[in-house]
Amino acid sequence: MKTNTITISILMVAISSTFLATDLFIPSLPIIKSFFGVTDETMGLTLSLNLLGFAISAPFYGPLSDCYGRRPLMLIGMAVFLLGSLVCAFVPSFEMLIIGRFFQGIGASVAGVITFAVIKDLYTIKKCAQIISSMDMVIVIIPAIGPIIGAYIIEFMGWQANFVIIAIISVIAFLLLVIQMPESHPPETRHFFKDLSFLKIYHALFASFPFMCYVLVSATIWGGLWVLIAGTPYLIIELFGFTVVGYAYYCAVGVVAYIIGAAVNRFLIPKYGIDALLWFGLMFSVVTGFTSILVAYFTPDSPYILRVTTAFYTFAMAFVFSNAPAKALAVFPRLSGSSSSVMTSVEMAVAALASFLTSILYDDSMMSLALLMMIFSLVAYGLHYLLRVHLSTATKGETAS
């Protein structure tokens, strides 16, 4: 049990380092845009291509870790992330910054994929949901303090210093993995994949309606968050005149709301179960999305009221992010690595889409962000409704037969 705790702690350090690659970076978006003299749409590539790198690489890490173990794939991915971080740290041009961010994404996806797979290796489904919720409460502190730290670094040392710090943290995370990370997927448990090709594994996953619904539910709620991540730096700093440090504290409110949601979710799982709490999170996200539209319409010049409604959105997200992945991984328990890969890939592809849509549809107003967030929330709720109908029909069919 102690070994398992150490393993999860090390993986949390690795995930935190990959989160910082974006969390330290986000407050500097308007400054870097001005420094290189690029447009909002072009600047958006630093986010969307990073997420695209995530989405492209994630499908490979899972199946390979199912075949060759979690540890070697984790080390390879984190080495690529370190390389991308070094490129960003010493970037001579905007084009190289985009390349570095892309490689950061390719490497960073390994942390989420392998971590979910390792948790599934070590724990039961209900314990998985509780562990993921506990990890969320700790890891989500990084998005709370990351932008604040990044903002102060920008103010006193310039935006380039953020990338140097990310590179240093990447080295520390990589060394911890080399020294301490054990293997949770021993060779004797890998025989199942000898008879299945890479494509057959993914066909089984993508053909599963329950699995894909759980994945897409999580991904679309994640997309709603990325609308806020991609759009609020320009809204809050450029339109409302916040300082970079002020913006960072503004964002921290939403992260605190997520931490509270994750704690409440963990506490309620034994009493109400995963399914009920997942439904609650989705319903509440729709309500907060609609409320954000009302706020944008009636009080378009009040960023503080919008902060309250979007904080409730991140509170609702905690119920989705902890429970939907646990349900998805339970569909194919012996394909946890591949399942985790698909889940991460789809989530990041949707996030890349959300970031891209925000960069082209944002019109210097709250309303454009609120509408996009609402659309993603409605899609997530609709998918979950279809899944409930599907599972109910399947259960009735089995009972009748």
Protein backbone atom coordinates (compact mmCIF):
# COMPACT_ATOMS: atom_id res chain seq x y z
CA MET A 1 0.00 0.00 0.00
CA LYS A 2 2.87 2.36 0.83
CA THR A 3 4.48 1.58 -2.53
CA ASN A 4 1.21 2.41 -4.30
CA THR A 5 1.02 5.75 -2.49
CA ILE A 6 4.59 6.60 -3.52
CA THR A 7 3.82 5.67 -7.13
CA ILE A 8 0.74 7.89 -7.27
CA SER A 9 2.66 10.74 -5.62
CA ILE A 10 5.44 10.54 -8.23
CA LEU A 11 2.91 10.52 -11.05
CA MET A 12 1.25 13.57 -9.52
CA VAL A 13 4.58 15.40 -9.67
CA ALA A 14 4.92 14.47 -13.36
CA ILE A 15 1.37 15.61 -14.16
CA SER A 16 1.91 18.84 -12.24
CA SER A 17 5.00 19.62 -14.31
CA THR A 18 3.03 19.19 -17.54
CA PHE A 19 0.22 21.40 -16.20
CA LEU A 20 2.70 24.15 -15.39
CA ALA A 21 3.74 24.26 -19.04
CA THR A 22 0.38 25.92 -19.73
CA ASP A 23 -0.49 27.46 -16.35
CA LEU A 24 2.68 29.57 -16.18
CA PHE A 25 2.25 30.43 -19.86
CA ILE A 26 -1.41 31.55 -19.99
CA PRO A 27 -1.02 34.98 -18.29
CA SER A 28 1.66 35.95 -20.82
CA LEU A 29 -0.53 35.41 -23.93
CA PRO A 30 -1.32 39.11 -24.53
CA ILE A 31 2.31 40.08 -23.78
CA ILE A 32 3.81 37.50 -26.16
CA LYS A 33 1.26 38.52 -28.81
CA SER A 34 2.48 42.10 -28.51
CA PHE A 35 6.16 41.07 -28.35
CA PHE A 36 6.05 39.16 -31.64
CA GLY A 37 3.41 41.41 -33.23
CA VAL A 38 1.01 38.57 -34.10
CA THR A 39 -2.79 38.41 -34.18
CA ASP A 40 -5.11 36.72 -31.66
CA GLU A 41 -5.72 33.92 -34.16
CA THR A 42 -1.98 33.32 -34.67
CA MET A 43 -1.30 33.48 -30.93
CA GLY A 44 -4.01 30.87 -30.47
CA LEU A 45 -1.75 28.37 -32.24
CA THR A 46 0.45 28.19 -29.14
CA LEU A 47 -2.53 26.64 -27.35
CA SER A 48 -4.32 24.69 -30.09
CA LEU A 49 -1.15 23.06 -31.50
CA ASN A 50 0.00 22.13 -28.00
CA LEU A 51 -3.34 20.42 -27.44
CA LEU A 52 -3.15 18.84 -30.89
CA GLY A 53 0.23 17.34 -29.97
CA PHE A 54 -1.48 15.92 -26.89
CA ALA A 55 -4.27 14.42 -29.00
CA ILE A 56 -1.96 12.92 -31.64
CA SER A 57 0.45 11.22 -29.25
CA ALA A 58 -1.96 9.95 -26.60
CA PRO A 59 -3.31 7.01 -28.68
CA PHE A 60 0.20 5.54 -28.91
CA TYR A 61 1.23 5.67 -25.26
CA GLY A 62 -1.64 3.53 -23.94
CA PRO A 63 -1.37 0.46 -26.20
CA LEU A 64 2.41 0.51 -26.03
CA SER A 65 2.25 0.65 -22.23
CA ASP A 66 -0.22 -2.27 -22.28
CA CYS A 67 2.37 -4.26 -24.24
CA TYR A 68 5.68 -3.05 -22.80
CA GLY A 69 4.80 -1.67 -19.38
CA ARG A 70 3.96 1.71 -17.89
CA ARG A 71 7.44 2.79 -16.76
CA PRO A 72 9.37 2.83 -20.09
CA LEU A 73 6.60 4.71 -21.90
CA MET A 74 6.35 7.25 -19.08
CA LEU A 75 10.08 7.93 -19.31
CA ILE A 76 10.03 8.31 -23.11
CA GLY A 77 7.10 10.72 -23.05
CA MET A 78 8.55 12.87 -20.28
CA ALA A 79 11.87 13.04 -22.16
CA VAL A 80 10.02 14.48 -25.19
CA PHE A 81 8.24 16.95 -22.90
CA LEU A 82 11.60 18.02 -21.50
CA LEU A 83 12.95 18.56 -25.03
CA GLY A 84 9.96 20.74 -25.95
CA SER A 85 10.38 22.74 -22.74
CA LEU A 86 14.03 23.44 -23.56
CA VAL A 87 13.09 24.65 -27.05
CA CYS A 88 10.52 27.05 -25.55
CA ALA A 89 13.02 28.24 -22.94
CA PHE A 90 15.52 29.41 -25.55
CA VAL A 91 13.14 30.31 -28.36
CA PRO A 92 14.58 32.71 -31.01
CA SER A 93 11.32 33.24 -32.93
CA PHE A 94 7.55 32.82 -32.74
CA GLU A 95 7.74 29.87 -35.15
CA MET A 96 10.13 28.04 -32.80
CA LEU A 97 7.83 28.81 -29.87
CA ILE A 98 4.99 27.04 -31.70
CA ILE A 99 7.27 24.05 -32.44
CA GLY A 100 8.37 23.85 -28.81
CA ARG A 101 4.78 24.01 -27.59
CA PHE A 102 3.81 21.25 -30.03
CA PHE A 103 6.54 18.94 -28.69
CA GLN A 104 5.56 19.80 -25.14
CA GLY A 105 2.08 18.53 -25.99
CA ILE A 106 3.40 15.34 -27.60
CA GLY A 107 5.36 14.51 -24.45
CA ALA A 108 2.94 15.84 -21.85
CA SER A 109 0.09 13.51 -22.83
CA VAL A 110 1.99 10.54 -21.42
CA ALA A 111 1.48 11.76 -17.84
CA GLY A 112 -2.31 11.63 -17.97
CA VAL A 113 -2.48 8.42 -20.00
CA ILE A 114 -0.10 6.41 -17.84
CA THR A 115 -1.43 7.79 -14.56
CA PHE A 116 -5.01 6.69 -15.29
CA ALA A 117 -3.72 3.28 -16.42
CA VAL A 118 -1.61 2.84 -13.28
CA ILE A 119 -4.55 3.75 -11.03
CA LYS A 120 -6.66 1.14 -12.82
CA ASP A 121 -3.80 -1.39 -12.38
CA LEU A 122 -3.75 -0.83 -8.63
CA TYR A 123 -7.35 -0.12 -7.53
CA THR A 124 -11.03 -1.13 -7.96
CA ILE A 125 -13.45 1.10 -9.93
CA LYS A 126 -14.95 2.79 -6.85
CA LYS A 127 -11.50 3.31 -5.37
CA CYS A 128 -10.36 4.62 -8.78
CA ALA A 129 -12.98 7.37 -8.66
CA GLN A 130 -11.96 8.28 -5.11
CA ILE A 131 -8.23 8.28 -5.96
CA ILE A 132 -8.83 10.41 -9.08
CA SER A 133 -10.92 12.82 -7.03
CA SER A 134 -8.18 13.03 -4.37
CA MET A 135 -5.55 13.61 -7.05
CA ASP A 136 -7.70 16.34 -8.55
CA MET A 137 -7.81 18.19 -5.24
CA VAL A 138 -4.01 18.19 -5.04
CA ILE A 139 -3.10 18.61 -8.71
CA VAL A 140 -5.64 21.36 -9.29
CA ILE A 141 -3.72 23.54 -6.84
CA ILE A 142 -1.17 23.91 -9.65
CA PRO A 143 -3.61 25.77 -11.93
CA ALA A 144 -4.46 27.97 -8.93
CA ILE A 145 -0.91 29.00 -8.04
CA GLY A 146 0.68 28.49 -11.49
CA PRO A 147 -0.76 31.61 -13.16
CA ILE A 148 0.00 33.67 -10.03
CA ILE A 149 3.62 32.51 -9.98
CA GLY A 150 3.84 32.98 -13.73
CA ALA A 151 2.42 36.50 -13.47
CA TYR A 152 5.00 37.57 -10.89
CA ILE A 153 7.79 36.01 -12.96
CA ILE A 154 6.59 37.94 -16.01
CA GLU A 155 6.45 41.17 -14.02
CA PHE A 156 9.96 40.89 -12.57
CA MET A 157 11.89 38.72 -15.06
CA GLY A 158 10.00 38.74 -18.36
CA TRP A 159 7.87 36.09 -20.09
CA GLN A 160 10.90 34.06 -21.28
CA ALA A 161 11.82 33.21 -17.68
CA ASN A 162 8.63 31.18 -17.30
CA PHE A 163 9.85 28.70 -19.89
CA VAL A 164 13.25 28.38 -18.19
CA ILE A 165 11.49 27.48 -14.93
CA ILE A 166 9.28 24.94 -16.71
CA ALA A 167 12.42 23.33 -18.18
CA ILE A 168 14.00 23.08 -14.71
CA ILE A 169 10.86 21.51 -13.23
CA SER A 170 10.75 19.08 -16.18
CA VAL A 171 14.27 17.90 -15.34
CA ILE A 172 13.30 17.33 -11.69
CA ALA A 173 10.16 15.38 -12.65
CA PHE A 174 12.10 13.23 -15.12
CA LEU A 175 14.79 12.37 -12.55
CA LEU A 176 12.15 11.41 -9.95
CA LEU A 177 10.58 9.02 -12.45
CA VAL A 178 13.94 7.47 -13.35
CA ILE A 179 14.87 6.92 -9.72
CA GLN A 180 11.56 5.98 -8.08
CA MET A 181 8.79 4.92 -10.49
CA PRO A 182 8.08 1.15 -10.27
CA GLU A 183 6.28 -0.98 -12.87
CA SER A 184 2.56 -1.57 -12.15
CA HIS A 185 1.88 -3.71 -15.24
CA PRO A 186 4.14 -6.81 -15.01
CA PRO A 187 4.93 -9.01 -18.06
CA GLU A 188 2.59 -11.84 -17.01
CA THR A 189 -0.43 -9.54 -17.35
CA ARG A 190 0.43 -8.43 -20.90
CA HIS A 191 -0.25 -11.69 -22.80
CA PHE A 192 -3.80 -10.59 -23.77
CA PHE A 193 -2.46 -8.20 -26.39
CA LYS A 194 -0.42 -10.76 -28.31
CA ASP A 195 -3.52 -11.81 -30.26
CA LEU A 196 -4.78 -8.30 -30.94
CA SER A 197 -3.41 -5.79 -33.41
CA PHE A 198 -3.11 -2.10 -32.65
CA LEU A 199 -6.08 -1.30 -34.88
CA LYS A 200 -8.28 -4.06 -33.44
CA ILE A 201 -7.81 -2.68 -29.95
CA TYR A 202 -8.88 0.78 -31.03
CA HIS A 203 -11.75 -0.56 -33.10
CA ALA A 204 -13.11 -2.28 -29.99
CA LEU A 205 -12.86 0.95 -28.02
CA PHE A 206 -14.33 3.30 -30.62
CA ALA A 207 -17.12 0.84 -31.44
CA SER A 208 -18.26 0.76 -27.81
CA PHE A 209 -21.15 3.20 -27.38
CA PRO A 210 -20.92 3.35 -23.55
CA PHE A 211 -17.15 3.86 -23.57
CA MET A 212 -17.22 6.62 -26.19
CA CYS A 213 -20.13 8.38 -24.51
CA TYR A 214 -18.31 8.55 -21.18
CA VAL A 215 -15.18 9.79 -22.97
CA LEU A 216 -17.05 12.44 -24.97
CA VAL A 217 -18.99 13.61 -21.91
CA SER A 218 -15.71 14.29 -20.12
CA ALA A 219 -14.14 15.80 -23.25
CA THR A 220 -16.92 18.28 -23.98
CA ILE A 221 -16.99 19.59 -20.41
CA TRP A 222 -13.20 19.91 -20.73
CA GLY A 223 -13.78 21.84 -23.96
CA GLY A 224 -15.98 24.31 -22.09
CA LEU A 225 -13.12 24.96 -19.69
CA TRP A 226 -10.73 25.60 -22.57
CA VAL A 227 -13.07 28.23 -23.95
CA LEU A 228 -12.44 30.13 -20.72
CA ILE A 229 -8.71 29.39 -20.67
CA ALA A 230 -8.21 30.58 -24.25
CA GLY A 231 -10.49 33.62 -24.08
CA THR A 232 -10.29 35.15 -20.61
CA PRO A 233 -6.67 36.45 -20.82
CA TYR A 234 -7.74 38.82 -23.60
CA LEU A 235 -11.11 39.63 -22.01
CA ILE A 236 -9.76 40.35 -18.54
CA ILE A 237 -6.35 41.88 -19.35
CA GLU A 238 -7.00 43.72 -22.61
CA LEU A 239 -10.69 44.63 -22.32
CA PHE A 240 -11.15 45.15 -18.57
CA GLY A 241 -7.61 46.41 -17.92
CA PHE A 242 -6.52 43.92 -15.25
CA THR A 243 -2.79 43.55 -14.62
CA VAL A 244 -1.21 40.17 -15.35
CA VAL A 245 -1.02 39.51 -11.60
CA GLY A 246 -4.64 40.59 -11.14
CA TYR A 247 -5.71 38.19 -13.88
CA ALA A 248 -3.87 35.32 -12.18
CA TYR A 249 -5.74 35.90 -8.92
CA TYR A 250 -8.98 36.20 -10.90
CA CYS A 251 -8.40 32.71 -12.32
CA ALA A 252 -7.52 31.23 -8.92
CA VAL A 253 -11.14 31.63 -7.78
CA GLY A 254 -12.27 29.06 -10.34
CA VAL A 255 -9.61 26.60 -9.26
CA VAL A 256 -10.66 26.90 -5.62
CA ALA A 257 -14.23 26.12 -6.71
CA TYR A 258 -12.95 23.00 -8.49
CA ILE A 259 -11.07 21.86 -5.37
CA ILE A 260 -14.25 22.23 -3.32
CA GLY A 261 -16.22 20.28 -5.93
CA ALA A 262 -13.66 17.47 -5.96
CA ALA A 263 -13.78 17.24 -2.15
CA VAL A 264 -17.59 17.14 -2.13
CA ASN A 265 -17.62 14.51 -4.87
CA ARG A 266 -15.18 12.28 -2.99
CA PHE A 267 -17.26 12.58 0.18
CA LEU A 268 -20.56 11.76 -1.58
CA ILE A 269 -19.43 8.83 -3.77
CA PRO A 270 -19.98 6.14 -1.08
CA LYS A 271 -23.50 7.44 -0.38
CA TYR A 272 -24.88 8.36 -3.82
CA GLY A 273 -22.67 6.47 -6.28
CA ILE A 274 -20.77 7.54 -9.39
CA ASP A 275 -23.72 7.70 -11.81
CA ALA A 276 -25.87 10.08 -9.76
CA LEU A 277 -22.97 12.45 -9.10
CA LEU A 278 -21.97 12.44 -12.76
CA TRP A 279 -25.53 13.42 -13.73
CA PHE A 280 -25.51 16.20 -11.12
CA GLY A 281 -22.26 17.64 -12.47
CA LEU A 282 -23.59 17.72 -16.03
CA MET A 283 -26.92 19.28 -15.06
CA PHE A 284 -25.21 21.91 -12.94
CA SER A 285 -22.79 22.78 -15.77
CA VAL A 286 -25.77 23.49 -18.07
CA VAL A 287 -27.35 25.71 -15.41
CA THR A 288 -24.13 27.68 -14.92
CA GLY A 289 -23.64 28.00 -18.68
CA PHE A 290 -27.12 29.49 -19.06
CA THR A 291 -26.51 31.80 -16.09
CA SER A 292 -23.27 33.02 -17.69
CA ILE A 293 -25.20 34.00 -20.82
CA LEU A 294 -27.64 36.03 -18.70
CA VAL A 295 -24.73 37.71 -16.92
CA ALA A 296 -23.05 38.54 -20.24
CA TYR A 297 -26.29 40.02 -21.55
CA PHE A 298 -27.42 42.07 -18.54
CA THR A 299 -24.05 43.00 -17.00
CA PRO A 300 -21.51 42.94 -19.87
CA ASP A 301 -19.14 45.28 -18.02
CA SER A 302 -18.90 43.24 -14.80
CA PRO A 303 -16.11 40.64 -14.90
CA TYR A 304 -16.66 39.82 -11.23
CA ILE A 305 -20.20 38.49 -11.66
CA LEU A 306 -18.99 36.41 -14.61
CA ARG A 307 -16.24 35.05 -12.36
CA VAL A 308 -18.86 33.81 -9.91
CA THR A 309 -20.88 31.95 -12.57
CA THR A 310 -17.81 30.41 -14.22
CA ALA A 311 -16.54 29.35 -10.79
CA PHE A 312 -19.75 27.37 -10.37
CA TYR A 313 -18.96 25.79 -13.76
CA THR A 314 -15.58 24.57 -12.52
CA PHE A 315 -17.29 23.31 -9.35
CA ALA A 316 -19.62 21.23 -11.55
CA MET A 317 -16.67 20.00 -13.64
CA ALA A 318 -15.19 18.23 -10.62
CA PHE A 319 -18.15 15.82 -10.55
CA VAL A 320 -17.68 15.01 -14.24
CA PHE A 321 -13.88 14.72 -14.34
CA SER A 322 -13.69 12.31 -11.41
CA ASN A 323 -16.58 10.03 -12.38
CA ALA A 324 -16.74 9.89 -16.19
CA PRO A 325 -13.12 8.62 -16.55
CA ALA A 326 -13.70 5.97 -13.87
CA LYS A 327 -16.81 4.72 -15.72
CA ALA A 328 -14.99 4.77 -19.07
CA LEU A 329 -12.02 2.76 -17.78
CA ALA A 330 -14.38 0.16 -16.27
CA VAL A 331 -15.86 -0.71 -19.69
CA PHE A 332 -12.66 -2.49 -20.79
CA PRO A 333 -10.75 -3.26 -17.57
CA ARG A 334 -8.00 -5.21 -19.38
CA LEU A 335 -7.48 -2.39 -21.87
CA SER A 336 -6.94 0.35 -19.32
CA GLY A 337 -3.83 1.71 -21.04
CA SER A 338 -5.48 1.91 -24.44
CA SER A 339 -8.71 3.23 -22.90
CA SER A 340 -6.78 5.95 -21.11
CA SER A 341 -5.02 6.85 -24.37
CA VAL A 342 -8.29 7.27 -26.26
CA MET A 343 -9.78 9.26 -23.40
CA THR A 344 -6.82 11.64 -23.23
CA SER A 345 -6.61 11.97 -27.01
CA VAL A 346 -10.30 12.79 -27.43
CA GLU A 347 -10.25 15.24 -24.52
CA MET A 348 -7.29 17.12 -25.97
CA ALA A 349 -8.70 17.07 -29.51
CA VAL A 350 -11.91 18.66 -28.20
CA ALA A 351 -9.85 21.14 -26.16
CA ALA A 352 -7.86 22.04 -29.30
CA LEU A 353 -11.15 22.58 -31.14
CA ALA A 354 -12.47 24.73 -28.29
CA SER A 355 -9.29 26.80 -28.24
CA PHE A 356 -9.39 27.25 -32.02
CA LEU A 357 -13.08 28.22 -32.03
CA THR A 358 -12.44 30.72 -29.25
CA SER A 359 -9.55 32.33 -31.16
CA ILE A 360 -11.71 32.92 -34.24
CA LEU A 361 -15.10 33.63 -32.61
CA TYR A 362 -14.05 35.76 -29.65
CA ASP A 363 -15.29 39.30 -30.32
CA ASP A 364 -14.02 41.20 -27.27
CA SER A 365 -17.16 40.39 -25.29
CA MET A 366 -18.30 38.09 -22.49
CA MET A 367 -21.16 36.81 -24.62
CA SER A 368 -19.00 34.99 -27.17
CA LEU A 369 -17.30 33.00 -24.39
CA ALA A 370 -20.54 32.34 -22.49
CA LEU A 371 -22.29 31.03 -25.61
CA LEU A 372 -19.44 28.66 -26.47
CA MET A 373 -19.30 27.37 -22.89
CA MET A 374 -23.05 26.77 -22.94
CA ILE A 375 -22.84 24.84 -26.22
CA PHE A 376 -20.20 22.48 -24.84
CA SER A 377 -22.24 21.93 -21.66
CA LEU A 378 -25.39 21.10 -23.63
CA VAL A 379 -23.52 18.64 -25.85
CA ALA A 380 -22.12 16.87 -22.78
CA TYR A 381 -25.54 16.63 -21.13
CA GLY A 382 -27.12 15.39 -24.38
CA LEU A 383 -24.51 12.65 -24.77
CA HIS A 384 -25.08 11.48 -21.21
CA TYR A 385 -28.84 11.42 -21.79
CA LEU A 386 -28.37 9.22 -24.89
CA LEU A 387 -26.12 6.92 -22.87
CA ARG A 388 -28.71 6.55 -20.10
CA VAL A 389 -31.38 5.67 -22.69
CA HIS A 390 -29.02 3.15 -24.32
CA LEU A 391 -28.12 1.45 -21.02
CA SER A 392 -31.75 1.38 -19.90
CA THR A 393 -32.82 -0.23 -23.20
CA ALA A 394 -30.01 -2.77 -22.99
CA THR A 395 -30.96 -3.69 -19.41
CA LYS A 396 -34.63 -4.17 -20.35
CA GLY A 397 -33.59 -6.35 -23.29
CA GLU A 398 -31.47 -8.58 -21.06
CA THR A 399 -34.31 -8.86 -18.52
CA ALA A 400 -36.82 -9.82 -21.24
CA SER A 401 -34.52 -12.48 -22.65
